[in-house]
Amino acid sequence: MKLLYWLDDWLTLSKNEQQAQLPFTGDDLLDDVFVKYHFVDLDKPLLFTFSPAGTNYQEHDLHADFSPWGYRLAQKQGVNIIAFQHLGRSNWFRSRNLIFFLEQLATLLEPFNRRLGYGLSRGGFGVGAFANLLQLDTVLLFHPVSTKNKAKAYWDTRSSTDIAQQFDWEGDYHDLDLGKAQGYIIYDPTNPIDRRHAKRYTGLTHLRVFGMGHGTHATYMNKFGFYKQIAVDFMRSEHIDIAQFRQQTKTLRFKEDYYKRLNKANAKSLHRLELLSKAHNILLEEKVEHVQEHQAQIDIQPLIDIAIKHQEEHPQDAIQLLEVAQQLVPDDPLVAHTLKQLDKDES
């Protein structure tokens, strides 16, 4: 527990002396949880991250440059970070050694005025369970699990619930306890288990995204940087621009592959497939309006001017430019006429 000893000594220094000791980087192994930390600036927030399911590393995977989930992203944003990476497949941050570490850590964080939490799924449970202990101010949670206590979440019938019963779900920190923390929870309301977990986070701003629940569709959304960009905005400002967020989700829903993935993920549910079909049809109409609206705002005259200017020296390049312009505004008569003339000259 090197961090606890370092913090204990560090707290005896003046603020200027504390800042002079930074940056400071290190790591600890707490039973089945690896923790890595990087402190850079007392005027920046301190971010806690807890890893989600699917990041099933083992102790033999750890090496000098190993980074827990969320660690490198936080480093790039210049915030202070303490990142907790669970080891093994079934691990819900229930280790007594880890809990003792967090309880001691909570008493040594006074120099950090702003404390944030960021977690996804199982990592969201970690943030929610320890938020009050760590006195977090703001959190960002993606479809978090609130608890695996069967008495409190009897409706969570996922296989992970039965597997998780090997741990103590009656003792300390087994359930969400946000304390004074505010922030955001983002989840898929069409996933009934995710929705019921989300409803237990009553003090947060709820942002709903159809199709981003657990499974392959969540991985697909991550491919488009959906999680990353929201997390970056949160780390930089502790704020999510809700209007921009809704525009992001709207743009994502215009991708045809999005619905293919959703249909595949929900193949066993006729009810959800019908809902997706209705949503898809509505979005097809909305997409046409969206494209028309943006086409009306596109000025393709510069492309035409460049094509005409270089048509003699570089006729093929001119044709390609006009073909791009035609894709942007398919019904523009000037583009069609100029392209027709160039094609005729080339032939």
Protein backbone atom coordinates (compact mmCIF):
# COMPACT_ATOMS: atom_id res chain seq x y z
CA MET A 1 0.00 0.00 0.00
CA LYS A 2 2.71 2.41 -1.08
CA LEU A 3 0.21 5.14 -1.96
CA LEU A 4 -1.13 5.38 1.59
CA TYR A 5 2.36 5.83 3.05
CA TRP A 6 3.27 8.44 0.42
CA LEU A 7 0.06 10.43 0.98
CA ASP A 8 0.53 10.34 4.74
CA ASP A 9 3.95 11.98 4.40
CA TRP A 10 2.81 14.32 1.62
CA LEU A 11 0.02 15.76 3.79
CA THR A 12 2.59 17.16 6.23
CA LEU A 13 3.88 19.53 3.52
CA SER A 14 2.61 23.00 2.60
CA LYS A 15 0.53 23.29 -0.58
CA ASN A 16 3.50 24.70 -2.53
CA GLU A 17 5.66 21.84 -1.31
CA GLN A 18 2.97 19.33 -2.20
CA GLN A 19 2.77 20.72 -5.75
CA ALA A 20 6.54 20.56 -6.04
CA GLN A 21 6.39 16.79 -5.34
CA LEU A 22 4.28 16.27 -8.48
CA PRO A 23 4.03 14.52 -10.86
CA PHE A 24 3.91 11.31 -8.85
CA THR A 25 3.10 7.90 -10.32
CA GLY A 26 2.87 4.45 -8.80
CA ASP A 27 0.83 1.28 -8.39
CA ASP A 28 -0.30 -1.26 -5.80
CA LEU A 29 -1.78 -4.76 -5.91
CA LEU A 30 -4.66 -5.23 -3.48
CA ASP A 31 -5.57 -8.93 -3.54
CA ASP A 32 -7.42 -9.23 -6.86
CA VAL A 33 -7.45 -5.52 -7.78
CA PHE A 34 -4.59 -3.59 -9.37
CA VAL A 35 -4.51 0.15 -8.71
CA LYS A 36 -2.43 2.68 -10.61
CA TYR A 37 -2.25 6.39 -9.81
CA HIS A 38 -0.86 9.52 -11.38
CA PHE A 39 -0.98 12.92 -9.65
CA VAL A 40 -0.07 15.98 -11.72
CA ASP A 41 -1.69 19.16 -10.40
CA LEU A 42 -3.49 20.09 -7.19
CA ASP A 43 -5.66 22.54 -9.12
CA LYS A 44 -7.01 19.73 -11.33
CA PRO A 45 -9.74 17.29 -10.24
CA LEU A 46 -8.96 13.81 -8.94
CA LEU A 47 -10.69 11.13 -11.03
CA PHE A 48 -11.50 7.60 -9.83
CA THR A 49 -12.17 4.89 -12.40
CA PHE A 50 -13.29 1.30 -11.87
CA SER A 51 -12.99 -1.24 -14.67
CA PRO A 52 -16.02 -2.82 -16.39
CA ALA A 53 -16.71 -6.48 -17.09
CA GLY A 54 -14.88 -7.82 -20.11
CA THR A 55 -11.50 -6.46 -19.02
CA ASN A 56 -10.61 -9.82 -17.50
CA TYR A 57 -6.91 -9.47 -16.88
CA GLN A 58 -4.95 -11.81 -14.63
CA GLU A 59 -2.00 -11.02 -12.40
CA HIS A 60 0.41 -12.44 -14.98
CA ASP A 61 -0.83 -9.80 -17.46
CA LEU A 62 0.51 -6.97 -15.31
CA HIS A 63 3.75 -5.31 -16.40
CA ALA A 64 5.55 -1.99 -15.92
CA ASP A 65 3.55 -0.19 -18.61
CA PHE A 66 0.17 -1.81 -17.87
CA SER A 67 -2.66 0.72 -17.63
CA PRO A 68 -6.03 0.03 -16.02
CA TRP A 69 -9.26 0.88 -17.81
CA GLY A 70 -9.62 4.68 -18.20
CA TYR A 71 -6.10 5.46 -16.98
CA ARG A 72 -4.51 6.61 -20.24
CA LEU A 73 -7.56 8.62 -21.25
CA ALA A 74 -7.42 10.51 -17.94
CA GLN A 75 -3.68 11.12 -18.36
CA LYS A 76 -4.28 12.69 -21.76
CA GLN A 77 -6.81 15.09 -20.23
CA GLY A 78 -4.29 16.18 -17.61
CA VAL A 79 -6.36 15.21 -14.57
CA ASN A 80 -5.18 13.36 -11.47
CA ILE A 81 -6.19 9.71 -11.65
CA ILE A 82 -6.55 6.69 -9.37
CA ALA A 83 -7.66 3.73 -11.51
CA PHE A 84 -8.83 0.38 -10.15
CA GLN A 85 -8.53 -2.64 -12.44
CA HIS A 86 -10.19 -5.87 -11.31
CA LEU A 87 -8.34 -9.13 -12.03
CA GLY A 88 -10.19 -12.27 -13.05
CA ARG A 89 -13.58 -12.75 -14.66
CA SER A 90 -15.88 -12.60 -11.63
CA ASN A 91 -14.70 -9.70 -9.49
CA TRP A 92 -16.99 -7.09 -7.96
CA PHE A 93 -14.50 -5.06 -5.92
CA ARG A 94 -15.55 -6.89 -2.74
CA SER A 95 -12.05 -7.74 -1.47
CA ARG A 96 -11.61 -6.89 2.23
CA ASN A 97 -8.08 -5.67 1.49
CA LEU A 98 -9.36 -3.31 -1.22
CA ILE A 99 -12.10 -1.95 1.05
CA PHE A 100 -9.60 -1.33 3.85
CA PHE A 101 -7.36 0.49 1.35
CA LEU A 102 -10.25 2.72 0.20
CA GLU A 103 -11.28 3.50 3.76
CA GLN A 104 -7.74 4.62 4.58
CA LEU A 105 -7.38 6.46 1.27
CA ALA A 106 -10.54 8.47 1.93
CA THR A 107 -8.91 10.11 4.95
CA LEU A 108 -5.86 11.26 2.95
CA LEU A 109 -7.42 13.15 0.03
CA GLU A 110 -7.98 16.58 1.57
CA PRO A 111 -5.70 18.47 -0.89
CA PHE A 112 -7.94 17.49 -3.83
CA ASN A 113 -10.90 19.87 -3.89
CA ARG A 114 -12.79 18.24 -6.77
CA ARG A 115 -13.28 14.48 -7.01
CA LEU A 116 -14.85 12.68 -9.96
CA GLY A 117 -15.95 9.12 -10.68
CA TYR A 118 -16.25 7.38 -14.06
CA GLY A 119 -17.42 3.81 -14.61
CA LEU A 120 -19.22 1.53 -17.03
CA SER A 121 -21.37 -1.49 -16.08
CA ARG A 122 -19.49 -3.28 -13.27
CA GLY A 123 -17.21 -0.25 -13.02
CA GLY A 124 -20.32 1.87 -12.52
CA PHE A 125 -21.12 -0.30 -9.50
CA GLY A 126 -17.64 0.44 -8.10
CA VAL A 127 -18.07 4.20 -8.51
CA GLY A 128 -21.58 4.16 -7.03
CA ALA A 129 -20.71 1.91 -4.09
CA PHE A 130 -17.71 3.99 -2.96
CA ALA A 131 -18.87 7.47 -4.03
CA ASN A 132 -19.91 8.60 -0.55
CA LEU A 133 -16.83 7.11 1.10
CA LEU A 134 -14.52 8.94 -1.33
CA GLN A 135 -16.65 12.12 -1.19
CA LEU A 136 -17.08 12.29 -4.97
CA ASP A 137 -18.56 15.51 -6.34
CA THR A 138 -19.54 14.43 -9.85
CA VAL A 139 -19.92 11.04 -11.55
CA LEU A 140 -20.41 9.72 -15.06
CA LEU A 141 -21.94 6.25 -15.26
CA PHE A 142 -22.76 4.16 -18.34
CA HIS A 143 -25.48 1.51 -17.73
CA PRO A 144 -24.15 0.79 -14.21
CA VAL A 145 -25.09 -2.15 -12.02
CA SER A 146 -26.36 -0.79 -8.70
CA THR A 147 -25.96 -4.00 -6.65
CA LYS A 148 -25.98 -7.78 -6.92
CA ASN A 149 -27.91 -8.13 -3.68
CA LYS A 150 -30.78 -10.41 -4.74
CA ALA A 151 -33.15 -8.96 -2.17
CA LYS A 152 -32.70 -5.46 -3.60
CA ALA A 153 -32.33 -6.38 -7.28
CA TYR A 154 -34.36 -9.60 -7.54
CA TRP A 155 -35.22 -8.67 -11.13
CA ASP A 156 -31.55 -8.86 -12.23
CA THR A 157 -31.71 -12.36 -13.68
CA ARG A 158 -28.47 -12.20 -15.64
CA SER A 159 -26.08 -15.11 -15.16
CA SER A 160 -23.56 -12.72 -13.60
CA THR A 161 -25.93 -12.31 -10.64
CA ASP A 162 -25.76 -15.97 -9.64
CA ILE A 163 -21.99 -16.04 -10.11
CA ALA A 164 -21.61 -12.91 -7.98
CA GLN A 165 -23.29 -14.57 -4.99
CA GLN A 166 -19.91 -15.95 -3.95
CA PHE A 167 -19.30 -12.46 -2.49
CA ASP A 168 -20.83 -10.70 0.51
CA TRP A 169 -23.83 -8.60 -0.59
CA GLU A 170 -24.95 -7.65 2.89
CA GLY A 171 -21.81 -5.94 4.28
CA ASP A 172 -20.42 -2.46 3.73
CA TYR A 173 -20.38 -0.88 0.26
CA HIS A 174 -22.54 -3.58 -1.35
CA ASP A 175 -25.04 -1.07 -2.77
CA LEU A 176 -24.99 2.34 -4.38
CA ASP A 177 -24.31 5.20 -1.99
CA LEU A 178 -23.78 8.42 -3.93
CA GLY A 179 -23.70 10.76 -0.94
CA LYS A 180 -23.50 14.33 -2.26
CA ALA A 181 -22.39 13.28 -5.75
CA GLN A 182 -24.26 14.62 -8.75
CA GLY A 183 -23.70 13.91 -12.42
CA TYR A 184 -24.96 11.73 -15.24
CA ILE A 185 -26.19 8.22 -15.85
CA ILE A 186 -26.47 7.03 -19.47
CA TYR A 187 -28.35 3.84 -20.28
CA ASP A 188 -30.64 2.00 -22.68
CA PRO A 189 -34.29 2.19 -21.56
CA THR A 190 -35.20 -0.77 -23.80
CA ASN A 191 -32.98 -3.04 -21.70
CA PRO A 192 -35.30 -3.84 -18.76
CA ILE A 193 -32.53 -4.80 -16.31
CA ASP A 194 -30.39 -1.78 -17.15
CA ARG A 195 -33.46 0.42 -16.81
CA ARG A 196 -34.32 -0.87 -13.35
CA HIS A 197 -30.75 -0.44 -12.14
CA ALA A 198 -30.75 3.10 -13.54
CA LYS A 199 -33.96 4.03 -11.72
CA ARG A 200 -32.17 3.42 -8.42
CA TYR A 201 -29.78 6.32 -9.20
CA THR A 202 -32.40 8.94 -8.44
CA GLY A 203 -30.08 11.91 -7.86
CA LEU A 204 -28.39 11.89 -11.28
CA THR A 205 -29.34 13.37 -14.64
CA HIS A 206 -30.69 10.49 -16.73
CA LEU A 207 -29.72 10.37 -20.41
CA ARG A 208 -31.28 7.59 -22.47
CA VAL A 209 -29.82 6.01 -25.59
CA PHE A 210 -31.72 3.26 -27.37
CA GLY A 211 -29.50 0.28 -28.13
CA MET A 212 -26.50 1.02 -25.91
CA GLY A 213 -27.10 -1.63 -23.25
CA HIS A 214 -24.97 -4.63 -22.44
CA GLY A 215 -23.77 -6.77 -25.35
CA THR A 216 -22.43 -6.45 -28.87
CA HIS A 217 -24.27 -3.18 -29.58
CA ALA A 218 -22.40 -1.46 -26.72
CA THR A 219 -19.11 -2.60 -28.28
CA TYR A 220 -20.29 -1.24 -31.61
CA MET A 221 -21.02 2.18 -30.11
CA ASN A 222 -17.61 2.24 -28.49
CA LYS A 223 -16.12 1.69 -31.96
CA PHE A 224 -17.49 5.09 -32.98
CA GLY A 225 -15.92 6.75 -29.95
CA PHE A 226 -19.30 7.29 -28.30
CA TYR A 227 -18.10 6.56 -24.77
CA LYS A 228 -14.72 8.22 -25.22
CA GLN A 229 -15.90 11.64 -26.36
CA ILE A 230 -18.46 11.93 -23.58
CA ALA A 231 -15.85 10.85 -21.02
CA VAL A 232 -13.36 13.41 -22.36
CA ASP A 233 -15.91 16.23 -22.05
CA PHE A 234 -16.73 15.09 -18.52
CA MET A 235 -13.09 14.96 -17.42
CA ARG A 236 -12.36 18.39 -18.84
CA SER A 237 -15.36 20.24 -17.47
CA GLU A 238 -17.40 17.90 -15.20
CA HIS A 239 -20.22 18.73 -17.59
CA ILE A 240 -21.98 17.12 -20.54
CA ASP A 241 -23.54 19.35 -23.19
CA ILE A 242 -26.93 17.63 -23.35
CA ALA A 243 -27.91 19.25 -26.68
CA GLN A 244 -24.67 18.04 -28.26
CA PHE A 245 -25.14 14.63 -26.65
CA ARG A 246 -28.57 14.26 -28.26
CA GLN A 247 -27.12 15.28 -31.62
CA GLN A 248 -24.42 12.60 -31.24
CA THR A 249 -26.98 9.90 -30.55
CA LYS A 250 -29.15 11.11 -33.42
CA THR A 251 -26.22 10.94 -35.84
CA LEU A 252 -25.35 7.46 -34.61
CA ARG A 253 -28.90 6.27 -35.24
CA PHE A 254 -28.62 7.36 -38.89
CA LYS A 255 -26.05 4.61 -39.51
CA GLU A 256 -27.70 1.58 -41.13
CA ASP A 257 -25.24 -0.81 -39.50
CA TYR A 258 -26.50 0.42 -36.12
CA TYR A 259 -29.89 -1.21 -36.70
CA LYS A 260 -28.34 -4.37 -38.10
CA ARG A 261 -26.36 -4.76 -34.89
CA LEU A 262 -29.39 -4.05 -32.74
CA ASN A 263 -31.51 -6.58 -34.60
CA LYS A 264 -28.80 -9.21 -34.17
CA ALA A 265 -28.46 -8.48 -30.46
CA ASN A 266 -32.23 -8.72 -29.95
CA ALA A 267 -32.93 -11.63 -32.30
CA LYS A 268 -34.70 -13.65 -29.58
CA SER A 269 -37.21 -10.96 -28.69
CA LEU A 270 -40.02 -10.42 -31.21
CA HIS A 271 -41.36 -7.53 -29.15
CA ARG A 272 -38.07 -5.62 -29.22
CA LEU A 273 -37.58 -6.40 -32.93
CA GLU A 274 -40.97 -4.82 -33.64
CA LEU A 275 -40.02 -1.74 -31.64
CA LEU A 276 -36.72 -1.49 -33.49
CA SER A 277 -38.50 -1.81 -36.84
CA LYS A 278 -40.86 1.05 -35.97
CA ALA A 279 -37.97 3.18 -34.74
CA HIS A 280 -35.99 2.40 -37.90
CA ASN A 281 -38.85 3.44 -40.19
CA ILE A 282 -39.31 6.70 -38.30
CA LEU A 283 -35.59 7.37 -38.51
CA LEU A 284 -35.51 6.69 -42.26
CA GLU A 285 -37.99 9.52 -42.76
CA GLU A 286 -36.10 11.71 -40.33
CA LYS A 287 -32.82 10.91 -42.10
CA VAL A 288 -34.19 12.12 -45.44
CA GLU A 289 -35.23 15.42 -43.83
CA HIS A 290 -31.86 15.69 -42.08
CA VAL A 291 -29.93 15.17 -45.31
CA GLN A 292 -32.09 17.65 -47.23
CA GLU A 293 -31.67 20.22 -44.48
CA HIS A 294 -27.88 19.92 -44.55
CA GLN A 295 -27.68 19.83 -48.33
CA ALA A 296 -29.45 23.18 -48.42
CA GLN A 297 -26.65 24.61 -46.30
CA ILE A 298 -23.77 23.22 -48.40
CA ASP A 299 -21.97 25.63 -50.71
CA ILE A 300 -20.46 23.55 -53.50
CA GLN A 301 -19.49 26.57 -55.66
CA PRO A 302 -15.80 26.42 -54.57
CA LEU A 303 -15.60 22.82 -55.82
CA ILE A 304 -17.06 23.85 -59.19
CA ASP A 305 -14.67 26.82 -59.48
CA ILE A 306 -11.60 24.64 -58.78
CA ALA A 307 -12.79 21.96 -61.23
CA ILE A 308 -13.28 24.50 -64.03
CA LYS A 309 -9.96 26.22 -63.27
CA HIS A 310 -7.98 22.98 -63.59
CA GLN A 311 -10.08 21.10 -66.15
CA GLU A 312 -7.56 21.53 -68.98
CA GLU A 313 -4.42 20.54 -67.03
CA HIS A 314 -6.04 17.91 -64.81
CA PRO A 315 -9.34 16.80 -66.38
CA GLN A 316 -9.65 13.58 -64.35
CA ASP A 317 -9.16 15.46 -61.06
CA ALA A 318 -11.77 17.99 -62.15
CA ILE A 319 -14.24 15.21 -62.88
CA GLN A 320 -13.62 13.62 -59.47
CA LEU A 321 -14.23 16.96 -57.73
CA LEU A 322 -17.51 17.41 -59.54
CA GLU A 323 -18.57 13.86 -58.71
CA VAL A 324 -18.03 14.69 -55.03
CA ALA A 325 -20.08 17.86 -55.49
CA GLN A 326 -22.82 15.82 -57.13
CA GLN A 327 -22.92 13.44 -54.16
CA LEU A 328 -23.39 16.43 -51.85
CA VAL A 329 -26.12 18.02 -53.99
CA PRO A 330 -27.47 15.37 -56.39
CA ASP A 331 -30.08 17.66 -58.01
CA ASP A 332 -27.89 20.69 -58.72
CA PRO A 333 -28.25 21.46 -62.47
CA LEU A 334 -24.96 23.39 -62.71
CA VAL A 335 -22.95 20.46 -61.39
CA ALA A 336 -24.71 18.04 -63.72
CA HIS A 337 -24.14 20.30 -66.75
CA THR A 338 -20.44 20.93 -66.00
CA LEU A 339 -19.80 17.26 -65.34
CA LYS A 340 -21.53 16.33 -68.59
CA GLN A 341 -19.33 18.77 -70.53
CA LEU A 342 -16.13 17.45 -68.98
CA ASP A 343 -17.13 13.85 -69.67
CA LYS A 344 -17.81 14.78 -73.31
CA ASP A 345 -14.41 16.50 -73.65
CA GLU A 346 -12.65 13.51 -72.17
CA SER A 347 -14.32 11.11 -74.56
